Structures are given as structure tokens and as C-alpha cells.
Amino acid sequence: MNPSQAAPGSQASLREANRLRVLDALRDQGAMTQVEIAGFTGLSPATVSNMVKELDSAGAVELEPSIRNGRRATLVSLATGSTLIAGIAFGDRDVRVALGTG
């Protein structure tokens, strides 16, 4: 087992799995409120709140005040990088280009 990975079934591995569920939901559905994330992932609102706080601290998500159903809410979306990354590979018969944000 890789020492940097959490042991299967441990609290750390469960936390990482929950973090990935939140990120996958945002990738699949776009920006959502924490309540919507909880409904989509099946995680409890408290778990989603903790995951969003951690992801926000890490710079993985962006938070924006919003109003949903007449109530104040926070819209959560994946963070967009402000850095453009480009790669070019020249082959004998082709040129490959890759673009992304960092």
C-alpha cells in the first residue's frame, strides 16, 4: 500500500471518498447549493458543509452568495484557474496541442 494513501475503511479514506463525491457532483451538474449537493450525492448536509469548507480552503471550489426558493444560500462551483497552460508536441507527421487551465 502507498504510504500517502489512507487505509481502506479508515476515517481518512471515507473523508476522501466524500470529498470526491462532492467534486464529481459539481463536475457533473455545475454550480449547486450545499442542500442540492447533499440531495444529489446522498451525503448529509453537515458532511457536505464540512467538505465544502475544506475544498474552499484548498481553493478547489468557489463560493457565491445566492437566493434559492426565497432563502439565502451559497452557490458552490468548481474553481476556475486563471492560468492558461499549453503544451505542444511535434512528431514526424503530426503536431499535438493540449490546452488547459491551472
C-alpha atoms as a PDB file:
ATOM      1  CA  MET A   1       0.000   0.000   0.000  1.00  0.00           C
ATOM      2  CA  ASN A   2       1.206   3.502  -0.817  1.00  0.00           C
ATOM      3  CA  PRO A   3       2.063   5.283   2.465  1.00  0.00           C
ATOM      4  CA  SER A   4       0.421   8.509   1.250  1.00  0.00           C
ATOM      5  CA  GLN A   5      -2.939   6.755   0.743  1.00  0.00           C
ATOM      6  CA  ALA A   6      -5.368   6.184   3.569  1.00  0.00           C
ATOM      7  CA  ALA A   7      -6.124   2.625   4.609  1.00  0.00           C
ATOM      8  CA  PRO A   8      -9.364   1.288   3.111  1.00  0.00           C
ATOM      9  CA  GLY A   9     -12.227   1.725   5.546  1.00  0.00           C
ATOM     10  CA  SER A  10     -10.407   4.334   7.603  1.00  0.00           C
ATOM     11  CA  GLN A  11     -11.834   7.721   8.535  1.00  0.00           C
ATOM     12  CA  ALA A  12      -9.365   9.379   6.150  1.00  0.00           C
ATOM     13  CA  SER A  13     -10.421   7.212   3.198  1.00  0.00           C
ATOM     14  CA  LEU A  14     -14.098   7.887   3.904  1.00  0.00           C
ATOM     15  CA  ARG A  15     -13.374  11.620   4.046  1.00  0.00           C
ATOM     16  CA  GLU A  16     -11.526  11.458   0.723  1.00  0.00           C
ATOM     17  CA  ALA A  17     -14.360   9.482  -0.880  1.00  0.00           C
ATOM     18  CA  ASN A  18     -16.870  12.095   0.318  1.00  0.00           C
ATOM     19  CA  ARG A  19     -14.679  14.899  -0.997  1.00  0.00           C
ATOM     20  CA  LEU A  20     -14.556  13.206  -4.401  1.00  0.00           C
ATOM     21  CA  ARG A  21     -18.355  12.724  -4.389  1.00  0.00           C
ATOM     22  CA  VAL A  22     -18.826  16.462  -3.898  1.00  0.00           C
ATOM     23  CA  LEU A  23     -16.313  17.315  -6.639  1.00  0.00           C
ATOM     24  CA  ASP A  24     -17.866  14.786  -9.038  1.00  0.00           C
ATOM     25  CA  ALA A  25     -21.331  16.225  -8.380  1.00  0.00           C
ATOM     26  CA  LEU A  26     -20.101  19.730  -9.196  1.00  0.00           C
ATOM     27  CA  ARG A  27     -18.350  18.450 -12.317  1.00  0.00           C
ATOM     28  CA  ASP A  28     -21.492  16.636 -13.493  1.00  0.00           C
ATOM     29  CA  GLN A  29     -24.158  19.173 -12.517  1.00  0.00           C
ATOM     30  CA  GLY A  30     -22.370  22.523 -12.417  1.00  0.00           C
ATOM     31  CA  ALA A  31     -22.862  25.053  -9.633  1.00  0.00           C
ATOM     32  CA  MET A  32     -25.214  23.959  -6.854  1.00  0.00           C
ATOM     33  CA  THR A  33     -26.131  24.952  -3.322  1.00  0.00           C
ATOM     34  CA  GLN A  34     -24.963  22.780  -0.453  1.00  0.00           C
ATOM     35  CA  VAL A  35     -28.519  21.473   0.006  1.00  0.00           C
ATOM     36  CA  GLU A  36     -28.623  20.490  -3.670  1.00  0.00           C
ATOM     37  CA  ILE A  37     -25.223  18.797  -3.361  1.00  0.00           C
ATOM     38  CA  ALA A  38     -26.493  16.824  -0.350  1.00  0.00           C
ATOM     39  CA  GLY A  39     -29.564  15.715  -2.296  1.00  0.00           C
ATOM     40  CA  PHE A  40     -27.559  14.740  -5.361  1.00  0.00           C
ATOM     41  CA  THR A  41     -24.804  12.846  -3.513  1.00  0.00           C
ATOM     42  CA  GLY A  42     -26.854  11.350  -0.674  1.00  0.00           C
ATOM     43  CA  LEU A  43     -24.439  12.835   1.858  1.00  0.00           C
ATOM     44  CA  SER A  44     -25.782  14.578   4.947  1.00  0.00           C
ATOM     45  CA  PRO A  45     -25.950  18.395   4.881  1.00  0.00           C
ATOM     46  CA  ALA A  46     -23.381  18.518   7.715  1.00  0.00           C
ATOM     47  CA  THR A  47     -20.949  16.338   5.757  1.00  0.00           C
ATOM     48  CA  VAL A  48     -21.402  18.475   2.645  1.00  0.00           C
ATOM     49  CA  SER A  49     -20.826  21.620   4.705  1.00  0.00           C
ATOM     50  CA  ASN A  50     -17.559  20.214   6.072  1.00  0.00           C
ATOM     51  CA  MET A  51     -16.414  19.064   2.631  1.00  0.00           C
ATOM     52  CA  VAL A  52     -17.210  22.453   1.076  1.00  0.00           C
ATOM     53  CA  LYS A  53     -15.255  24.242   3.832  1.00  0.00           C
ATOM     54  CA  GLU A  54     -12.228  22.021   3.207  1.00  0.00           C
ATOM     55  CA  LEU A  55     -12.467  22.370  -0.574  1.00  0.00           C
ATOM     56  CA  ASP A  56     -12.841  26.139  -0.264  1.00  0.00           C
ATOM     57  CA  SER A  57      -9.733  26.321   1.959  1.00  0.00           C
ATOM     58  CA  ALA A  58      -7.840  24.290  -0.631  1.00  0.00           C
ATOM     59  CA  GLY A  59      -9.004  26.590  -3.445  1.00  0.00           C
ATOM     60  CA  ALA A  60     -10.848  23.783  -5.237  1.00  0.00           C
ATOM     61  CA  VAL A  61     -14.261  25.470  -5.162  1.00  0.00           C
ATOM     62  CA  GLU A  62     -15.631  28.985  -5.342  1.00  0.00           C
ATOM     63  CA  LEU A  63     -18.493  30.214  -3.162  1.00  0.00           C
ATOM     64  CA  GLU A  64     -21.010  32.867  -4.180  1.00  0.00           C
ATOM     65  CA  PRO A  65     -23.998  34.200  -2.234  1.00  0.00           C
ATOM     66  CA  SER A  66     -27.292  33.296  -3.870  1.00  0.00           C
ATOM     67  CA  ILE A  67     -31.006  33.036  -3.177  1.00  0.00           C
ATOM     68  CA  ARG A  68     -32.851  29.771  -3.797  1.00  0.00           C
ATOM     69  CA  ASN A  69     -36.542  29.274  -3.072  1.00  0.00           C
ATOM     70  CA  GLY A  70     -36.635  32.653  -1.323  1.00  0.00           C
ATOM     71  CA  ARG A  71     -33.873  31.695   1.106  1.00  0.00           C
ATOM     72  CA  ARG A  72     -30.272  32.766   1.339  1.00  0.00           C
ATOM     73  CA  ALA A  73     -27.927  30.121   0.042  1.00  0.00           C
ATOM     74  CA  THR A  74     -24.344  29.753  -1.034  1.00  0.00           C
ATOM     75  CA  LEU A  75     -23.723  28.631  -4.580  1.00  0.00           C
ATOM     76  CA  VAL A  76     -20.762  26.249  -4.822  1.00  0.00           C
ATOM     77  CA  SER A  77     -18.879  25.792  -8.092  1.00  0.00           C
ATOM     78  CA  LEU A  78     -15.577  24.324  -9.165  1.00  0.00           C
ATOM     79  CA  ALA A  79     -12.785  26.871  -9.026  1.00  0.00           C
ATOM     80  CA  THR A  80     -11.614  28.099 -12.364  1.00  0.00           C
ATOM     81  CA  GLY A  81      -7.914  28.610 -12.757  1.00  0.00           C
ATOM     82  CA  SER A  82      -6.671  31.915 -14.010  1.00  0.00           C
ATOM     83  CA  THR A  83      -3.593  30.405 -15.604  1.00  0.00           C
ATOM     84  CA  LEU A  84      -3.634  29.035 -19.133  1.00  0.00           C
ATOM     85  CA  ILE A  85      -1.415  26.029 -19.698  1.00  0.00           C
ATOM     86  CA  ALA A  86      -0.424  24.916 -23.204  1.00  0.00           C
ATOM     87  CA  GLY A  87       1.622  22.011 -24.472  1.00  0.00           C
ATOM     88  CA  ILE A  88       2.804  21.313 -27.994  1.00  0.00           C
ATOM     89  CA  ALA A  89       4.382  18.048 -29.184  1.00  0.00           C
ATOM     90  CA  PHE A  90       5.951  17.929 -32.647  1.00  0.00           C
ATOM     91  CA  GLY A  91       6.122  14.496 -34.244  1.00  0.00           C
ATOM     92  CA  ASP A  92       7.430  13.323 -37.604  1.00  0.00           C
ATOM     93  CA  ARG A  93       3.997  13.546 -39.197  1.00  0.00           C
ATOM     94  CA  ASP A  94       1.854  15.339 -36.650  1.00  0.00           C
ATOM     95  CA  VAL A  95       1.600  18.156 -34.173  1.00  0.00           C
ATOM     96  CA  ARG A  96      -0.339  17.682 -30.935  1.00  0.00           C
ATOM     97  CA  VAL A  97      -1.650  20.600 -28.906  1.00  0.00           C
ATOM     98  CA  ALA A  98      -3.160  20.496 -25.426  1.00  0.00           C
ATOM     99  CA  LEU A  99      -4.705  23.439 -23.577  1.00  0.00           C
ATOM    100  CA  GLY A 100      -5.926  23.675 -20.019  1.00  0.00           C
ATOM    101  CA  THR A 101      -6.276  25.930 -17.034  1.00  0.00           C
ATOM    102  CA  GLY A 102      -4.186  25.708 -13.920  1.00  0.00           C
END
